Protein backbone atom coordinates (compact mmCIF):
# COMPACT_ATOMS: atom_id res chain seq x y z
CA MET A 1 56.70 70.65 147.90
CA GLU A 2 54.99 72.54 150.66
CA GLY A 3 57.28 74.11 153.19
CA LYS A 4 60.31 74.09 150.90
CA THR A 5 61.70 77.29 149.54
CA THR A 6 62.80 77.62 145.96
CA GLU A 7 66.38 77.89 147.21
CA GLU A 8 66.17 74.47 148.89
CA THR A 9 64.69 72.80 145.80
CA SER A 10 67.29 74.38 143.52
CA ASP A 11 70.06 73.17 145.87
CA GLU A 12 68.63 69.66 145.74
CA LYS A 13 68.46 69.79 141.94
CA LEU A 14 72.08 70.96 141.74
CA ALA A 15 73.14 68.14 144.06
CA VAL A 16 71.43 65.55 141.86
CA ILE A 17 72.96 67.05 138.71
CA SER A 18 76.43 67.05 140.29
CA ILE A 19 76.08 63.37 141.19
CA PHE A 20 75.11 62.49 137.62
CA VAL A 21 78.02 64.51 136.19
CA ARG A 22 80.54 62.85 138.53
CA LEU A 23 79.10 59.42 137.82
CA SER A 24 79.29 60.11 134.08
CA VAL A 25 82.96 61.07 134.40
CA VAL A 26 83.68 57.85 136.33
CA CYS A 27 81.93 55.71 133.70
CA TRP A 28 83.56 57.51 130.77
CA ALA A 29 87.06 57.36 132.26
CA GLY A 30 86.65 53.70 133.21
CA PHE A 31 85.54 52.93 129.66
CA ILE A 32 88.50 54.75 128.11
CA ILE A 33 90.97 53.05 130.47
CA SER A 34 89.42 49.66 129.67
CA LEU A 35 89.71 50.31 125.93
CA ASN A 36 93.48 50.55 126.39
CA TYR A 37 93.59 46.86 127.32
CA ILE A 38 91.17 45.56 124.67
CA THR A 39 92.55 44.55 121.30
CA PHE A 40 90.40 44.60 118.21
CA PRO A 41 91.53 42.09 115.56
CA PHE A 42 90.21 44.16 112.66
CA LEU A 43 92.36 47.15 113.68
CA GLY A 44 95.63 45.27 113.70
CA PRO A 45 98.36 45.65 116.32
CA GLN A 46 97.88 48.61 118.62
CA ALA A 47 100.43 50.33 120.81
CA PRO A 48 99.34 51.04 124.38
CA LYS A 49 98.23 54.63 124.93
CA ASP A 50 99.23 56.92 127.77
CA THR A 51 96.19 57.06 130.05
CA SER A 52 97.73 58.99 132.94
CA PHE A 53 95.41 62.00 132.60
CA ILE A 54 92.31 59.84 132.27
CA THR A 55 93.47 57.76 135.24
CA PHE A 56 93.86 60.98 137.23
CA LEU A 57 90.30 62.00 136.31
CA PHE A 58 89.04 58.54 137.23
CA GLY A 59 90.73 58.60 140.63
CA SER A 60 89.63 62.16 141.35
CA ALA A 61 86.03 61.43 140.43
CA LEU A 62 86.05 58.33 142.62
CA ALA A 63 87.51 60.36 145.49
CA THR A 64 84.52 62.71 145.34
CA PHE A 65 82.38 59.69 146.19
CA GLY A 66 84.70 58.80 149.09
CA ILE A 67 86.49 55.93 147.31
CA GLU A 68 90.27 56.13 147.48
CA ALA A 69 93.02 53.73 146.52
CA LYS A 70 95.01 52.50 149.48
CA LYS A 71 98.72 52.24 148.87
CA ASN A 72 100.44 49.72 151.10
CA GLY A 73 103.99 50.71 150.10
CA ASN A 74 106.05 51.39 153.21
CA SER A 75 103.34 50.63 155.70
CA THR A 76 104.44 48.77 158.80
CA THR A 77 100.99 47.40 159.57
CA PRO A 78 100.68 43.76 158.51
CA VAL A 79 98.15 42.76 155.93
CA ASN A 80 95.39 40.64 157.44
CA CYS A 81 94.99 38.08 154.69
CA PRO A 82 94.39 34.42 155.58
CA MET A 83 96.01 33.23 152.35
CA LEU A 84 99.31 34.88 153.28
CA ILE A 85 99.54 33.15 156.64
CA LYS A 86 101.59 29.97 156.41
CA LYS A 87 100.10 26.83 157.83
CA LYS A 88 101.75 25.41 160.95
CA ASP A 89 102.07 21.99 159.28
CA GLU A 90 104.41 23.26 156.56
């Protein structure tokens, strides 16, 4: 650690801690959202829960890593998917 000031090492430690906190939030929120779709037979019938806040946390935490959901709602650009292109023979 020669040549590094204590300020630089503390900034690096804070950066690593912030990554672990954000990753923990992503894992926790993904787990809670997944639990909404899993049924446990020993608990009987379960009503679906409102996961909008947890979904918001999940999306926000993913956005801090640069991952964003792309919405293709009113977009005029065509989707480049080979399975959507009809064959000329048909």
